[in-house]
Amino acid sequence: MLFTGPKLNFKWLTPTLVVLAVLAGTVLKFFVPLSNGRYVVLLLNLVGTVLLASAFEPQIPLHGDGGWWDSLKWSVREFPKYGAPPTFDFLRFYVGLFLLLIGIVVSAMLS
């Protein structure tokens, strides 16, 4: 069953996770002595992982009063019974793969 009605808005999720990844990397740089090259590799890998993981978004329909909490409760209880294919964003997927690849290459060059 493909759901074609209104869905929860997840457009805020990827930018929020990217900001959290950059903040986590920056905090880690202050607690662990990282060179600038290693810091760049860490950021490339963290942001690449976030983009790769957020390329697939669930299509959770609005339920109850249309709020986030009611839709989350419904998705935990009822969504597995009906399901829906996730949306796929090619741009985030391939940019995430590219950043991971660049992070691996730069890490190998720094070794």
N, C-alpha and C. Protein backbone atom coordinates (compact mmCIF):
# COMPACT_ATOMS: atom_id res chain seq x y z
N MET A 1 0.85 -1.18 0.00
CA MET A 1 0.00 0.00 0.00
C MET A 1 0.90 1.24 0.00
N LEU A 2 0.79 2.04 -1.01
CA LEU A 2 1.53 3.29 -1.07
C LEU A 2 0.68 4.38 -0.48
N PHE A 3 1.27 5.14 0.43
CA PHE A 3 0.54 6.22 1.08
C PHE A 3 0.77 7.50 0.29
N THR A 4 -0.30 8.16 -0.10
CA THR A 4 -0.16 9.37 -0.91
C THR A 4 -0.67 10.62 -0.20
N GLY A 5 -1.09 10.50 1.04
CA GLY A 5 -1.61 11.65 1.78
C GLY A 5 -0.50 12.47 2.41
N PRO A 6 -0.87 13.37 3.33
CA PRO A 6 0.14 14.20 3.99
C PRO A 6 1.07 13.35 4.86
N LYS A 7 2.33 13.75 4.89
CA LYS A 7 3.34 13.02 5.65
C LYS A 7 4.04 13.97 6.61
N LEU A 8 4.72 13.38 7.59
CA LEU A 8 5.53 14.19 8.49
C LEU A 8 6.64 14.85 7.70
N ASN A 9 7.02 16.04 8.09
CA ASN A 9 8.06 16.79 7.41
C ASN A 9 9.41 16.47 8.06
N PHE A 10 10.28 15.81 7.31
CA PHE A 10 11.61 15.46 7.82
C PHE A 10 12.70 16.31 7.19
N LYS A 11 12.35 17.42 6.56
CA LYS A 11 13.34 18.25 5.89
C LYS A 11 14.34 18.88 6.87
N TRP A 12 13.97 19.01 8.11
CA TRP A 12 14.84 19.60 9.13
C TRP A 12 15.87 18.61 9.65
N LEU A 13 15.66 17.32 9.42
CA LEU A 13 16.47 16.30 10.06
C LEU A 13 17.91 16.28 9.56
N THR A 14 18.12 16.31 8.27
CA THR A 14 19.48 16.23 7.73
C THR A 14 20.33 17.43 8.13
N PRO A 15 19.86 18.68 7.98
CA PRO A 15 20.70 19.79 8.44
C PRO A 15 21.01 19.74 9.93
N THR A 16 20.04 19.30 10.73
CA THR A 16 20.26 19.19 12.16
C THR A 16 21.33 18.15 12.47
N LEU A 17 21.27 17.00 11.81
CA LEU A 17 22.26 15.96 12.04
C LEU A 17 23.65 16.37 11.54
N VAL A 18 23.71 17.13 10.45
CA VAL A 18 25.01 17.62 9.97
C VAL A 18 25.61 18.58 10.98
N VAL A 19 24.79 19.49 11.51
CA VAL A 19 25.29 20.43 12.53
C VAL A 19 25.75 19.67 13.77
N LEU A 20 24.99 18.67 14.20
CA LEU A 20 25.40 17.87 15.37
C LEU A 20 26.69 17.11 15.10
N ALA A 21 26.87 16.59 13.90
CA ALA A 21 28.10 15.89 13.56
C ALA A 21 29.30 16.83 13.59
N VAL A 22 29.13 18.03 13.05
CA VAL A 22 30.22 19.01 13.07
C VAL A 22 30.52 19.44 14.51
N LEU A 23 29.48 19.65 15.31
CA LEU A 23 29.70 20.00 16.72
C LEU A 23 30.41 18.88 17.47
N ALA A 24 30.00 17.63 17.22
CA ALA A 24 30.64 16.49 17.89
C ALA A 24 32.11 16.40 17.48
N GLY A 25 32.40 16.60 16.21
CA GLY A 25 33.79 16.58 15.76
C GLY A 25 34.61 17.71 16.35
N THR A 26 34.01 18.89 16.46
CA THR A 26 34.72 20.04 17.03
C THR A 26 34.98 19.84 18.52
N VAL A 27 34.00 19.33 19.24
CA VAL A 27 34.19 19.04 20.67
C VAL A 27 35.27 17.98 20.84
N LEU A 28 35.24 16.96 19.99
CA LEU A 28 36.25 15.91 20.07
C LEU A 28 37.64 16.45 19.80
N LYS A 29 37.76 17.42 18.90
CA LYS A 29 39.06 18.01 18.59
C LYS A 29 39.66 18.69 19.81
N PHE A 30 38.82 19.25 20.67
CA PHE A 30 39.33 19.92 21.86
C PHE A 30 39.71 18.95 22.97
N PHE A 31 39.13 17.75 22.97
CA PHE A 31 39.44 16.78 24.01
C PHE A 31 40.51 15.77 23.59
N VAL A 32 40.63 15.53 22.31
CA VAL A 32 41.63 14.60 21.78
C VAL A 32 42.55 15.40 20.86
N PRO A 33 43.84 15.27 21.04
CA PRO A 33 44.74 16.05 20.18
C PRO A 33 44.71 15.54 18.73
N LEU A 34 43.95 16.23 17.89
CA LEU A 34 43.85 15.88 16.47
C LEU A 34 44.56 16.95 15.64
N SER A 35 45.31 16.50 14.66
CA SER A 35 45.89 17.47 13.73
C SER A 35 44.76 17.99 12.84
N ASN A 36 45.05 19.06 12.13
CA ASN A 36 44.02 19.63 11.25
C ASN A 36 43.61 18.64 10.16
N GLY A 37 44.56 17.87 9.66
CA GLY A 37 44.24 16.88 8.65
C GLY A 37 43.32 15.79 9.18
N ARG A 38 43.61 15.31 10.37
CA ARG A 38 42.75 14.28 10.98
C ARG A 38 41.37 14.84 11.31
N TYR A 39 41.32 16.10 11.69
CA TYR A 39 40.03 16.75 11.97
C TYR A 39 39.18 16.83 10.69
N VAL A 40 39.81 17.17 9.58
CA VAL A 40 39.09 17.23 8.31
C VAL A 40 38.59 15.84 7.92
N VAL A 41 39.42 14.82 8.11
CA VAL A 41 39.01 13.44 7.81
C VAL A 41 37.83 13.05 8.68
N LEU A 42 37.89 13.39 9.96
CA LEU A 42 36.79 13.08 10.87
C LEU A 42 35.50 13.75 10.41
N LEU A 43 35.58 15.03 10.06
CA LEU A 43 34.38 15.74 9.59
C LEU A 43 33.85 15.16 8.28
N LEU A 44 34.74 14.84 7.35
CA LEU A 44 34.29 14.25 6.09
C LEU A 44 33.55 12.94 6.34
N ASN A 45 34.10 12.11 7.22
CA ASN A 45 33.46 10.82 7.48
C ASN A 45 32.16 10.97 8.25
N LEU A 46 32.11 11.88 9.22
CA LEU A 46 30.87 12.07 9.98
C LEU A 46 29.76 12.64 9.09
N VAL A 47 30.06 13.67 8.34
CA VAL A 47 29.05 14.29 7.49
C VAL A 47 28.65 13.33 6.36
N GLY A 48 29.60 12.60 5.81
CA GLY A 48 29.28 11.62 4.79
C GLY A 48 28.35 10.54 5.31
N THR A 49 28.60 10.08 6.53
CA THR A 49 27.73 9.07 7.13
C THR A 49 26.33 9.61 7.37
N VAL A 50 26.24 10.85 7.84
CA VAL A 50 24.92 11.46 8.07
C VAL A 50 24.16 11.59 6.76
N LEU A 51 24.81 12.06 5.72
CA LEU A 51 24.13 12.21 4.43
C LEU A 51 23.72 10.87 3.85
N LEU A 52 24.58 9.88 3.98
CA LEU A 52 24.26 8.56 3.46
C LEU A 52 23.07 7.96 4.20
N ALA A 53 23.07 8.10 5.53
CA ALA A 53 21.97 7.53 6.32
C ALA A 53 20.66 8.29 6.12
N SER A 54 20.74 9.59 5.88
CA SER A 54 19.50 10.36 5.74
C SER A 54 18.98 10.37 4.30
N ALA A 55 19.63 9.65 3.41
CA ALA A 55 19.13 9.57 2.03
C ALA A 55 17.84 8.78 1.95
N PHE A 56 17.61 7.91 2.93
CA PHE A 56 16.38 7.12 2.99
C PHE A 56 15.49 7.69 4.09
N GLU A 57 14.32 8.18 3.72
CA GLU A 57 13.40 8.76 4.71
C GLU A 57 12.12 7.95 4.75
N PRO A 58 11.65 7.62 5.94
CA PRO A 58 10.38 6.90 6.02
C PRO A 58 9.22 7.82 5.65
N GLN A 59 8.17 7.24 5.10
CA GLN A 59 6.97 8.01 4.77
C GLN A 59 5.94 7.73 5.85
N ILE A 60 6.02 8.47 6.93
CA ILE A 60 5.10 8.27 8.05
C ILE A 60 3.94 9.25 7.90
N PRO A 61 2.72 8.75 7.74
CA PRO A 61 1.58 9.65 7.58
C PRO A 61 1.21 10.33 8.89
N LEU A 62 0.57 11.48 8.78
CA LEU A 62 0.09 12.20 9.96
C LEU A 62 -1.08 11.44 10.57
N HIS A 63 -1.12 11.35 11.89
CA HIS A 63 -2.22 10.68 12.58
C HIS A 63 -2.60 11.47 13.81
N GLY A 64 -3.77 11.18 14.34
CA GLY A 64 -4.27 11.89 15.52
C GLY A 64 -4.57 13.32 15.17
N ASP A 65 -4.07 14.22 16.00
CA ASP A 65 -4.30 15.65 15.75
C ASP A 65 -3.31 16.20 14.73
N GLY A 66 -2.55 15.32 14.11
CA GLY A 66 -1.58 15.76 13.11
C GLY A 66 -0.25 16.14 13.70
N GLY A 67 -0.09 15.91 15.00
CA GLY A 67 1.15 16.27 15.67
C GLY A 67 2.22 15.20 15.52
N TRP A 68 3.41 15.58 15.89
CA TRP A 68 4.56 14.71 15.79
C TRP A 68 4.43 13.51 16.72
N TRP A 69 3.99 13.72 17.95
CA TRP A 69 3.93 12.65 18.95
C TRP A 69 2.91 11.58 18.56
N ASP A 70 1.72 11.99 18.11
CA ASP A 70 0.71 11.01 17.70
C ASP A 70 1.18 10.20 16.50
N SER A 71 1.85 10.84 15.57
CA SER A 71 2.35 10.12 14.41
C SER A 71 3.47 9.16 14.79
N LEU A 72 4.30 9.55 15.76
CA LEU A 72 5.36 8.65 16.22
C LEU A 72 4.78 7.43 16.91
N LYS A 73 3.78 7.64 17.77
CA LYS A 73 3.14 6.50 18.44
C LYS A 73 2.51 5.57 17.41
N TRP A 74 1.83 6.14 16.41
CA TRP A 74 1.21 5.31 15.39
C TRP A 74 2.27 4.53 14.61
N SER A 75 3.38 5.19 14.29
CA SER A 75 4.40 4.52 13.49
C SER A 75 5.03 3.35 14.23
N VAL A 76 5.12 3.45 15.56
CA VAL A 76 5.68 2.34 16.34
C VAL A 76 4.69 1.19 16.43
N ARG A 77 3.42 1.51 16.62
CA ARG A 77 2.40 0.47 16.82
C ARG A 77 1.87 -0.13 15.51
N GLU A 78 1.51 0.72 14.57
CA GLU A 78 0.77 0.27 13.40
C GLU A 78 1.56 0.24 12.09
N PHE A 79 2.57 1.06 11.98
CA PHE A 79 3.27 1.19 10.71
C PHE A 79 3.86 -0.12 10.20
N PRO A 80 4.45 -0.96 11.09
CA PRO A 80 4.99 -2.23 10.58
C PRO A 80 3.94 -3.13 9.94
N LYS A 81 2.67 -2.97 10.32
CA LYS A 81 1.61 -3.80 9.73
C LYS A 81 1.35 -3.41 8.27
N TYR A 82 1.43 -2.12 7.98
CA TYR A 82 1.07 -1.63 6.65
C TYR A 82 2.31 -1.30 5.83
N GLY A 83 3.22 -0.58 6.42
CA GLY A 83 4.46 -0.23 5.76
C GLY A 83 4.29 0.68 4.56
N ALA A 84 5.37 1.21 4.12
CA ALA A 84 5.42 2.03 2.91
C ALA A 84 6.89 2.11 2.52
N PRO A 85 7.18 2.15 1.24
CA PRO A 85 8.58 2.25 0.84
C PRO A 85 9.14 3.62 1.23
N PRO A 86 10.39 3.65 1.67
CA PRO A 86 10.98 4.95 2.03
C PRO A 86 11.28 5.76 0.77
N THR A 87 11.34 7.06 0.95
CA THR A 87 11.77 7.91 -0.16
C THR A 87 13.29 7.85 -0.24
N PHE A 88 13.80 8.05 -1.41
CA PHE A 88 15.25 7.97 -1.64
C PHE A 88 15.71 9.24 -2.30
N ASP A 89 16.74 9.86 -1.73
CA ASP A 89 17.30 11.09 -2.29
C ASP A 89 18.68 10.77 -2.88
N PHE A 90 18.75 10.77 -4.21
CA PHE A 90 20.00 10.42 -4.90
C PHE A 90 21.13 11.38 -4.53
N LEU A 91 20.82 12.67 -4.43
CA LEU A 91 21.86 13.65 -4.17
C LEU A 91 22.53 13.41 -2.82
N ARG A 92 21.72 13.26 -1.76
CA ARG A 92 22.31 13.00 -0.44
C ARG A 92 23.09 11.69 -0.42
N PHE A 93 22.55 10.67 -1.09
CA PHE A 93 23.21 9.36 -1.10
C PHE A 93 24.59 9.45 -1.75
N TYR A 94 24.66 10.03 -2.94
CA TYR A 94 25.93 10.06 -3.65
C TYR A 94 26.90 11.09 -3.09
N VAL A 95 26.41 12.20 -2.56
CA VAL A 95 27.31 13.15 -1.89
C VAL A 95 27.87 12.50 -0.63
N GLY A 96 27.04 11.77 0.11
CA GLY A 96 27.53 11.05 1.30
C GLY A 96 28.59 10.03 0.94
N LEU A 97 28.34 9.24 -0.12
CA LEU A 97 29.35 8.28 -0.58
C LEU A 97 30.64 8.97 -1.00
N PHE A 98 30.50 10.10 -1.71
CA PHE A 98 31.68 10.84 -2.16
C PHE A 98 32.49 11.37 -0.98
N LEU A 99 31.80 11.92 0.03
CA LEU A 99 32.52 12.44 1.20
C LEU A 99 33.22 11.32 1.96
N LEU A 100 32.56 10.16 2.08
CA LEU A 100 33.21 9.02 2.73
C LEU A 100 34.45 8.58 1.94
N LEU A 101 34.33 8.54 0.63
CA LEU A 101 35.47 8.15 -0.20
C LEU A 101 36.62 9.14 -0.06
N ILE A 102 36.31 10.42 -0.10
CA ILE A 102 37.35 11.44 0.06
C ILE A 102 37.99 11.33 1.45
N GLY A 103 37.16 11.08 2.48
CA GLY A 103 37.70 10.91 3.83
C GLY A 103 38.65 9.73 3.92
N ILE A 104 38.32 8.63 3.26
CA ILE A 104 39.19 7.45 3.27
C ILE A 104 40.49 7.73 2.52
N VAL A 105 40.39 8.40 1.38
CA VAL A 105 41.59 8.70 0.59
C VAL A 105 42.50 9.66 1.36
N VAL A 106 41.94 10.71 1.94
CA VAL A 106 42.75 11.67 2.69
C VAL A 106 43.37 10.99 3.91
N SER A 107 42.62 10.12 4.57
CA SER A 107 43.16 9.39 5.71
C SER A 107 44.33 8.50 5.30
N ALA A 108 44.21 7.85 4.16
CA ALA A 108 45.31 7.01 3.68
C ALA A 108 46.53 7.84 3.31
N MET A 109 46.30 9.04 2.76
CA MET A 109 47.42 9.89 2.39
C MET A 109 48.12 10.45 3.63
N LEU A 110 47.40 10.63 4.73
CA LEU A 110 48.00 11.16 5.95
C LEU A 110 48.75 10.10 6.74
N SER A 111 48.49 8.83 6.45
CA SER A 111 49.15 7.75 7.19
C SER A 111 50.57 7.56 6.77
